[in-house]
């Protein structure tokens, strides 16, 4: 779990996408959402998880007939797009949540997302510069929770000691990266786009803090959290660095 600072106040929105049932419906129903934006068949997924969609977005090519009828009968605003479009339903739903004033967005994806390109597209959409004004961006995808930090954002992760997490600069270079409470702390570090330096770090305190000054940083927390820290082969080289300069090495 984690909380993000710097403007996480205001409307809390859930965005639910298709791809099968949610990994843990309790994640969706254990808190209150001001709005629930369903991306196409995400409406069926949301209702099955106990969420009541307030908005429906997409080309509506995969929502069930029963879902469409329910939306119409309950007066759910529908923003229908043509099948031939320049954005995925997920990206459109995220944009809609932002347009509706969301200060926090929690995206829920099903456990059965079998299109790797769709999964990558979802992660890419979370890094859209248009979402920079949203204080908190969290995504539950498959067996992982992602915290996407836009420039100037910070996340505080409540983790078991030894739990593994990773940092990835998937949307371009990140600078001014700080990590506290971890086996490999960072202070004002640079993570170039595509770098694996941030893979498989581990918590040494109950609260891990991650921040980036520039760039979009993706923090990945696998679930369930491993109970032990990763075994890194290059301990000697790590010991030769100062504590603030130590960096996680790729777990091989």
Foldseek 3Di string as FASTA:
>chain_A
DKDKDDQQDDFEEEEFEEQAAFPDLCVVVVDDGPAYEYQQLSLVNQVVSPHHHQAYEEQNPPHDPVSVVVCVVVVRHYHHDHPPDDAHSLLVSLVVCVVVPHLEYEYTYHQRRPDVVVVVSNVVSLQPPVCQNRRWYWYDYHQKIKTKHAAPMKMKAQDDFAFWKFKAQAPAKFFQKFKPQKPQTAGRHIDGHPRRQGGFIGGRDRIMMIHTRHGMMMMMGGPPTDPHGADDPPVVVQVVDDSNPRTHDDRD
